[in-house]
Amino acid sequence: MVANETRHLDEAISPSHYQFTGWVTLEDGTRVRAKIETKEYIKAVCRTLDGEEAWAVSNVLKYISRYRTKHKDNVKRDINKAIEYCEFLKEIIEEKEAQ
């Protein structure tokens, strides 16, 4: 595999619009620079949620995390998708509460 093909494959598996580098505060108060991928954050947030609720929350997180980087010419596109999934989430929660 040539270097260019490897970069293309890496981008397909772990796209840059789903990667973030920033400062994280540890439990002891220490601040460290860390890199996190959206899929890892989604797994951590959704691990205690079930089915449809996890599906809706994961999509909200996905679209919000990339809104400024994937579609730079139309940032509202991902914001609107996140809002749509927030509405789905609201309906899911309302249905659970009604039971």
Protein backbone atom coordinates (compact mmCIF):
# COMPACT_ATOMS: atom_id res chain seq x y z
CA MET A 1 0.00 0.00 0.00
CA VAL A 2 1.41 3.40 -0.96
CA ALA A 3 1.59 6.26 1.56
CA ASN A 4 -1.23 8.17 -0.17
CA GLU A 5 -3.52 5.11 -0.02
CA THR A 6 -2.69 4.64 3.66
CA ARG A 7 -3.60 8.26 4.43
CA HIS A 8 -6.87 7.86 2.50
CA LEU A 9 -7.71 4.66 4.42
CA ASP A 10 -6.86 6.33 7.76
CA GLU A 11 -9.13 9.25 6.87
CA ALA A 12 -11.96 6.87 5.96
CA ILE A 13 -11.66 4.94 9.23
CA SER A 14 -10.95 7.90 11.48
CA PRO A 15 -11.97 11.12 9.69
CA SER A 16 -10.43 14.36 10.91
CA HIS A 17 -13.86 15.96 11.40
CA TYR A 18 -14.43 13.44 14.21
CA GLN A 19 -11.13 14.07 16.02
CA PHE A 20 -10.53 16.72 18.64
CA THR A 21 -7.51 17.79 20.60
CA GLY A 22 -7.96 19.91 23.67
CA TRP A 23 -7.40 20.30 27.37
CA VAL A 24 -8.91 17.83 29.82
CA THR A 25 -9.04 18.17 33.59
CA LEU A 26 -8.33 14.93 35.43
CA GLU A 27 -9.97 13.95 38.73
CA ASP A 28 -6.99 15.27 40.70
CA GLY A 29 -7.29 18.67 39.00
CA THR A 30 -4.35 18.17 36.65
CA ARG A 31 -4.93 19.57 33.17
CA VAL A 32 -3.53 17.59 30.25
CA ARG A 33 -3.74 17.90 26.51
CA ALA A 34 -5.70 14.98 25.05
CA LYS A 35 -6.96 13.73 21.73
CA ILE A 36 -10.39 12.14 21.55
CA GLU A 37 -12.45 10.74 18.73
CA THR A 38 -16.18 11.34 18.67
CA LYS A 39 -16.90 7.61 18.54
CA GLU A 40 -15.06 7.10 21.85
CA TYR A 41 -16.98 9.95 23.47
CA ILE A 42 -20.28 8.59 22.11
CA LYS A 43 -19.49 5.12 23.51
CA ALA A 44 -18.76 6.61 26.93
CA VAL A 45 -21.93 8.72 27.00
CA CYS A 46 -24.28 6.07 25.59
CA ARG A 47 -22.99 2.99 27.41
CA THR A 48 -25.79 3.16 29.99
CA LEU A 49 -28.57 4.07 27.56
CA ASP A 50 -30.76 1.57 25.76
CA GLY A 51 -31.89 1.16 22.18
CA GLU A 52 -33.62 4.16 20.70
CA GLU A 53 -32.39 6.55 23.36
CA ALA A 54 -28.75 5.59 22.70
CA TRP A 55 -29.38 5.88 18.94
CA ALA A 56 -30.80 9.41 19.25
CA VAL A 57 -28.14 10.67 21.68
CA SER A 58 -25.31 9.22 19.58
CA ASN A 59 -26.60 11.01 16.50
CA VAL A 60 -26.96 14.32 18.35
CA LEU A 61 -23.35 14.03 19.51
CA LYS A 62 -22.14 13.02 16.04
CA TYR A 63 -23.74 15.94 14.22
CA ILE A 64 -22.86 18.55 16.85
CA SER A 65 -19.24 17.41 17.01
CA ARG A 66 -18.66 17.89 13.29
CA TYR A 67 -20.87 20.86 12.39
CA ARG A 68 -17.98 23.27 11.77
CA THR A 69 -15.63 20.85 10.05
CA LYS A 70 -17.42 18.43 7.70
CA HIS A 71 -19.67 20.82 5.76
CA LYS A 72 -17.81 24.12 6.12
CA ASP A 73 -19.92 25.68 3.39
CA ASN A 74 -23.18 24.78 5.18
CA VAL A 75 -22.72 24.51 8.95
CA LYS A 76 -26.47 24.68 9.53
CA ARG A 77 -26.85 21.29 7.84
CA ASP A 78 -25.41 19.35 10.78
CA ILE A 79 -26.99 21.65 13.36
CA ASN A 80 -30.41 20.95 11.84
CA LYS A 81 -29.72 17.20 11.87
CA ALA A 82 -28.76 17.42 15.56
CA ILE A 83 -31.99 19.30 16.29
CA GLU A 84 -33.94 16.60 14.43
CA TYR A 85 -32.36 13.91 16.61
CA CYS A 86 -33.04 16.00 19.74
CA GLU A 87 -36.70 15.98 18.72
CA PHE A 88 -36.56 12.19 18.28
CA LEU A 89 -34.96 11.93 21.73
CA LYS A 90 -37.67 14.09 23.25
CA GLU A 91 -40.37 11.87 21.71
CA ILE A 92 -38.61 8.71 22.97
CA ILE A 93 -38.44 10.11 26.52
CA GLU A 94 -42.06 11.29 26.41
CA GLU A 95 -43.17 7.81 25.29
CA LYS A 96 -41.23 6.21 28.16
CA GLU A 97 -42.76 8.64 30.66
CA ALA A 98 -46.27 7.89 29.38
CA GLN A 99 -45.88 4.15 30.03
